[in-house]
PDB file of N, CA and C in Angstrom:
ATOM      1  N   MET A   1       6.636  61.497  97.307  1.00  0.00           N
ATOM      2  CA  MET A   1       7.253  60.334  97.922  1.00  0.00           C
ATOM      3  C   MET A   1       7.432  60.625  99.414  1.00  0.00           C
ATOM      4  N   ALA A   2       6.966  59.722 100.240  1.00  0.00           N
ATOM      5  CA  ALA A   2       7.092  59.877 101.681  1.00  0.00           C
ATOM      6  C   ALA A   2       8.520  59.578 102.123  1.00  0.00           C
ATOM      7  N   ARG A   3       8.976  60.374 103.070  1.00  0.00           N
ATOM      8  CA  ARG A   3      10.321  60.174 103.603  1.00  0.00           C
ATOM      9  C   ARG A   3      10.231  59.211 104.774  1.00  0.00           C
ATOM     10  N   ASP A   4      11.282  58.439 104.962  1.00  0.00           N
ATOM     11  CA  ASP A   4      11.299  57.534 106.101  1.00  0.00           C
ATOM     12  C   ASP A   4      12.520  57.820 106.961  1.00  0.00           C
ATOM     13  N   ALA A   5      12.596  57.153 108.083  1.00  0.00           N
ATOM     14  CA  ALA A   5      13.687  57.395 109.029  1.00  0.00           C
ATOM     15  C   ALA A   5      15.048  57.067 108.424  1.00  0.00           C
ATOM     16  N   ALA A   6      15.133  56.013 107.611  1.00  0.00           N
ATOM     17  CA  ALA A   6      16.413  55.647 107.002  1.00  0.00           C
ATOM     18  C   ALA A   6      16.884  56.730 106.040  1.00  0.00           C
ATOM     19  N   ALA A   7      15.969  57.294 105.262  1.00  0.00           N
ATOM     20  CA  ALA A   7      16.336  58.362 104.327  1.00  0.00           C
ATOM     21  C   ALA A   7      16.784  59.601 105.091  1.00  0.00           C
ATOM     22  N   ASP A   8      16.066  59.935 106.155  1.00  0.00           N
ATOM     23  CA  ASP A   8      16.443  61.095 106.958  1.00  0.00           C
ATOM     24  C   ASP A   8      17.825  60.902 107.592  1.00  0.00           C
ATOM     25  N   ALA A   9      18.071  59.704 108.120  1.00  0.00           N
ATOM     26  CA  ALA A   9      19.360  59.420 108.747  1.00  0.00           C
ATOM     27  C   ALA A   9      20.485  59.484 107.721  1.00  0.00           C
ATOM     28  N   PHE A  10      20.244  58.956 106.533  1.00  0.00           N
ATOM     29  CA  PHE A  10      21.263  58.984 105.483  1.00  0.00           C
ATOM     30  C   PHE A  10      21.590  60.420 105.103  1.00  0.00           C
ATOM     31  N   GLU A  11      20.573  61.225 104.875  1.00  0.00           N
ATOM     32  CA  GLU A  11      20.808  62.609 104.470  1.00  0.00           C
ATOM     33  C   GLU A  11      21.465  63.418 105.577  1.00  0.00           C
ATOM     34  N   ALA A  12      21.178  63.086 106.823  1.00  0.00           N
ATOM     35  CA  ALA A  12      21.807  63.784 107.939  1.00  0.00           C
ATOM     36  C   ALA A  12      23.314  63.526 107.977  1.00  0.00           C
ATOM     37  N   GLN A  13      23.745  62.407 107.411  1.00  0.00           N
ATOM     38  CA  GLN A  13      25.153  62.027 107.422  1.00  0.00           C
ATOM     39  C   GLN A  13      25.878  62.367 106.118  1.00  0.00           C
ATOM     40  N   CYS A  14      25.202  62.967 105.146  1.00  0.00           N
ATOM     41  CA  CYS A  14      25.811  63.216 103.835  1.00  0.00           C
ATOM     42  C   CYS A  14      27.086  64.050 103.923  1.00  0.00           C
ATOM     43  N   GLY A  15      27.113  65.035 104.786  1.00  0.00           N
ATOM     44  CA  GLY A  15      28.324  65.845 104.938  1.00  0.00           C
ATOM     45  C   GLY A  15      29.501  65.012 105.421  1.00  0.00           C
ATOM     46  N   ARG A  16      29.256  64.163 106.397  1.00  0.00           N
ATOM     47  CA  ARG A  16      30.314  63.285 106.901  1.00  0.00           C
ATOM     48  C   ARG A  16      30.748  62.290 105.836  1.00  0.00           C
ATOM     49  N   LEU A  17      29.762  61.749 105.100  1.00  0.00           N
ATOM     50  CA  LEU A  17      30.087  60.798 104.043  1.00  0.00           C
ATOM     51  C   LEU A  17      30.917  61.454 102.942  1.00  0.00           C
ATOM     52  N   SER A  18      30.551  62.679 102.581  1.00  0.00           N
ATOM     53  CA  SER A  18      31.309  63.394 101.546  1.00  0.00           C
ATOM     54  C   SER A  18      32.740  63.647 102.001  1.00  0.00           C
ATOM     55  N   GLY A  19      32.908  64.038 103.264  1.00  0.00           N
ATOM     56  CA  GLY A  19      34.251  64.276 103.789  1.00  0.00           C
ATOM     57  C   GLY A  19      35.086  63.010 103.799  1.00  0.00           C
ATOM     58  N   LEU A  20      34.491  61.922 104.211  1.00  0.00           N
ATOM     59  CA  LEU A  20      35.189  60.642 104.227  1.00  0.00           C
ATOM     60  C   LEU A  20      35.566  60.218 102.814  1.00  0.00           C
ATOM     61  N   ALA A  21      34.603  60.329 101.898  1.00  0.00           N
ATOM     62  CA  ALA A  21      34.869  59.951 100.506  1.00  0.00           C
ATOM     63  C   ALA A  21      35.968  60.831  99.910  1.00  0.00           C
ATOM     64  N   TYR A  22      35.969  62.110 100.245  1.00  0.00           N
ATOM     65  CA  TYR A  22      37.009  63.007  99.736  1.00  0.00           C
ATOM     66  C   TYR A  22      38.386  62.577 100.237  1.00  0.00           C
ATOM     67  N   ARG A  23      38.466  62.238 101.521  1.00  0.00           N
ATOM     68  CA  ARG A  23      39.763  61.806 102.073  1.00  0.00           C
ATOM     69  C   ARG A  23      40.221  60.493 101.449  1.00  0.00           C
ATOM     70  N   MET A  24      39.281  59.631 101.111  1.00  0.00           N
ATOM     71  CA  MET A  24      39.637  58.341 100.510  1.00  0.00           C
ATOM     72  C   MET A  24      40.000  58.485  99.035  1.00  0.00           C
ATOM     73  N   LEU A  25      39.269  59.343  98.324  1.00  0.00           N
ATOM     74  CA  LEU A  25      39.423  59.423  96.875  1.00  0.00           C
ATOM     75  C   LEU A  25      40.286  60.597  96.407  1.00  0.00           C
ATOM     76  N   GLY A  26      40.402  61.642  97.231  1.00  0.00           N
ATOM     77  CA  GLY A  26      41.260  62.770  96.898  1.00  0.00           C
ATOM     78  C   GLY A  26      40.680  63.744  95.892  1.00  0.00           C
ATOM     79  N   SER A  27      39.418  63.624  95.585  1.00  0.00           N
ATOM     80  CA  SER A  27      38.786  64.503  94.604  1.00  0.00           C
ATOM     81  C   SER A  27      37.360  64.789  95.049  1.00  0.00           C
ATOM     82  N   ALA A  28      36.988  66.067  95.047  1.00  0.00           N
ATOM     83  CA  ALA A  28      35.633  66.429  95.441  1.00  0.00           C
ATOM     84  C   ALA A  28      34.601  65.855  94.471  1.00  0.00           C
ATOM     85  N   ALA A  29      34.925  65.880  93.187  1.00  0.00           N
ATOM     86  CA  ALA A  29      33.990  65.361  92.184  1.00  0.00           C
ATOM     87  C   ALA A  29      33.780  63.859  92.366  1.00  0.00           C
ATOM     88  N   GLU A  30      34.854  63.118  92.600  1.00  0.00           N
ATOM     89  CA  GLU A  30      34.722  61.677  92.814  1.00  0.00           C
ATOM     90  C   GLU A  30      33.989  61.391  94.121  1.00  0.00           C
ATOM     91  N   ALA A  31      34.231  62.202  95.139  1.00  0.00           N
ATOM     92  CA  ALA A  31      33.530  62.022  96.416  1.00  0.00           C
ATOM     93  C   ALA A  31      32.034  62.249  96.230  1.00  0.00           C
ATOM     94  N   ASP A  32      31.667  63.303  95.517  1.00  0.00           N
ATOM     95  CA  ASP A  32      30.252  63.564  95.260  1.00  0.00           C
ATOM     96  C   ASP A  32      29.610  62.409  94.498  1.00  0.00           C
ATOM     97  N   ASP A  33      30.310  61.884  93.512  1.00  0.00           N
ATOM     98  CA  ASP A  33      29.796  60.745  92.750  1.00  0.00           C
ATOM     99  C   ASP A  33      29.603  59.525  93.644  1.00  0.00           C
ATOM    100  N   ALA A  34      30.559  59.273  94.522  1.00  0.00           N
ATOM    101  CA  ALA A  34      30.472  58.111  95.400  1.00  0.00           C
ATOM    102  C   ALA A  34      29.285  58.232  96.352  1.00  0.00           C
ATOM    103  N   VAL A  35      29.087  59.417  96.917  1.00  0.00           N
ATOM    104  CA  VAL A  35      27.967  59.619  97.833  1.00  0.00           C
ATOM    105  C   VAL A  35      26.650  59.533  97.064  1.00  0.00           C
ATOM    106  N   ARG A  36      26.600  60.097  95.886  1.00  0.00           N
ATOM    107  CA  ARG A  36      25.392  60.016  95.059  1.00  0.00           C
ATOM    108  C   ARG A  36      25.070  58.557  94.715  1.00  0.00           C
ATOM    109  N   ASP A  37      26.096  57.783  94.355  1.00  0.00           N
ATOM    110  CA  ASP A  37      25.892  56.363  94.065  1.00  0.00           C
ATOM    111  C   ASP A  37      25.380  55.614  95.297  1.00  0.00           C
ATOM    112  N   ALA A  38      25.933  55.938  96.463  1.00  0.00           N
ATOM    113  CA  ALA A  38      25.469  55.295  97.699  1.00  0.00           C
ATOM    114  C   ALA A  38      24.004  55.632  97.956  1.00  0.00           C
ATOM    115  N   CYS A  39      23.623  56.867  97.662  1.00  0.00           N
ATOM    116  CA  CYS A  39      22.236  57.278  97.844  1.00  0.00           C
ATOM    117  C   CYS A  39      21.322  56.511  96.900  1.00  0.00           C
ATOM    118  N   LEU A  40      21.741  56.345  95.669  1.00  0.00           N
ATOM    119  CA  LEU A  40      20.942  55.593  94.702  1.00  0.00           C
ATOM    120  C   LEU A  40      20.803  54.130  95.116  1.00  0.00           C
ATOM    121  N   ARG A  41      21.905  53.541  95.619  1.00  0.00           N
ATOM    122  CA  ARG A  41      21.831  52.156  96.096  1.00  0.00           C
ATOM    123  C   ARG A  41      20.907  52.045  97.293  1.00  0.00           C
ATOM    124  N   ARG A  42      20.960  53.032  98.177  1.00  0.00           N
ATOM    125  CA  ARG A  42      20.070  53.027  99.338  1.00  0.00           C
ATOM    126  C   ARG A  42      18.621  53.106  98.886  1.00  0.00           C
ATOM    127  N   ASP A  43      18.337  53.938  97.896  1.00  0.00           N
ATOM    128  CA  ASP A  43      16.968  54.073  97.401  1.00  0.00           C
ATOM    129  C   ASP A  43      16.450  52.786  96.778  1.00  0.00           C
ATOM    130  N   SER A  44      17.330  52.011  96.162  1.00  0.00           N
ATOM    131  CA  SER A  44      16.877  50.799  95.492  1.00  0.00           C
ATOM    132  C   SER A  44      16.914  49.562  96.395  1.00  0.00           C
ATOM    133  N   ALA A  45      17.488  49.693  97.585  1.00  0.00           N
ATOM    134  CA  ALA A  45      17.564  48.559  98.512  1.00  0.00           C
ATOM    135  C   ALA A  45      16.197  48.295  99.128  1.00  0.00           C
ATOM    136  N   GLU A  46      15.998  47.087  99.569  1.00  0.00           N
ATOM    137  CA  GLU A  46      14.757  46.754 100.259  1.00  0.00           C
ATOM    138  C   GLU A  46      14.746  47.466 101.605  1.00  0.00           C
ATOM    139  N   ARG A  47      13.682  48.165 101.871  1.00  0.00           N
ATOM    140  CA  ARG A  47      13.592  48.998 103.078  1.00  0.00           C
ATOM    141  C   ARG A  47      13.684  48.193 104.371  1.00  0.00           C
ATOM    142  N   ASP A  48      13.206  46.975 104.379  1.00  0.00           N
ATOM    143  CA  ASP A  48      13.223  46.217 105.632  1.00  0.00           C
ATOM    144  C   ASP A  48      14.620  45.726 105.992  1.00  0.00           C
ATOM    145  N   THR A  49      15.583  45.844 105.077  1.00  0.00           N
ATOM    146  CA  THR A  49      16.943  45.406 105.378  1.00  0.00           C
ATOM    147  C   THR A  49      17.818  46.561 105.861  1.00  0.00           C
ATOM    148  N   LEU A  50      17.303  47.787 105.817  1.00  0.00           N
ATOM    149  CA  LEU A  50      18.078  48.960 106.198  1.00  0.00           C
ATOM    150  C   LEU A  50      17.774  49.362 107.639  1.00  0.00           C
ATOM    151  N   THR A  51      18.815  49.764 108.337  1.00  0.00           N
ATOM    152  CA  THR A  51      18.633  50.323 109.673  1.00  0.00           C
ATOM    153  C   THR A  51      19.388  51.633 109.734  1.00  0.00           C
ATOM    154  N   PRO A  52      18.846  52.624 110.410  1.00  0.00           N
ATOM    155  CA  PRO A  52      19.543  53.893 110.501  1.00  0.00           C
ATOM    156  C   PRO A  52      20.828  53.751 111.331  1.00  0.00           C
ATOM    157  N   PRO A  53      21.809  54.583 111.062  1.00  0.00           N
ATOM    158  CA  PRO A  53      23.043  54.514 111.841  1.00  0.00           C
ATOM    159  C   PRO A  53      22.792  54.959 113.283  1.00  0.00           C
ATOM    160  N   PRO A  54      23.651  54.532 114.197  1.00  0.00           N
ATOM    161  CA  PRO A  54      23.472  54.971 115.580  1.00  0.00           C
ATOM    162  C   PRO A  54      23.717  56.466 115.685  1.00  0.00           C
ATOM    163  N   PRO A  55      23.081  57.144 116.633  1.00  0.00           N
ATOM    164  CA  PRO A  55      23.289  58.592 116.794  1.00  0.00           C
ATOM    165  C   PRO A  55      24.723  58.879 117.214  1.00  0.00           C
ATOM    166  N   GLY A  56      25.157  60.042 116.821  1.00  0.00           N
ATOM    167  CA  GLY A  56      26.489  60.411 117.277  1.00  0.00           C
ATOM    168  C   GLY A  56      27.254  61.038 116.264  1.00  0.00           C
TER     169      GLY A  56
END
């Protein structure tokens, strides 16, 4: 499977997303599940509707 810019940008932010999810949910396991679910939703979304996050 070829990687695209949106997938690369998402994976580059996974650490930040996990930290945010942990602070919101209070559990590492729930945070991991939330980030994994977001990744699955991103994979199933139409690619032309996704834009990478701004740098920073």
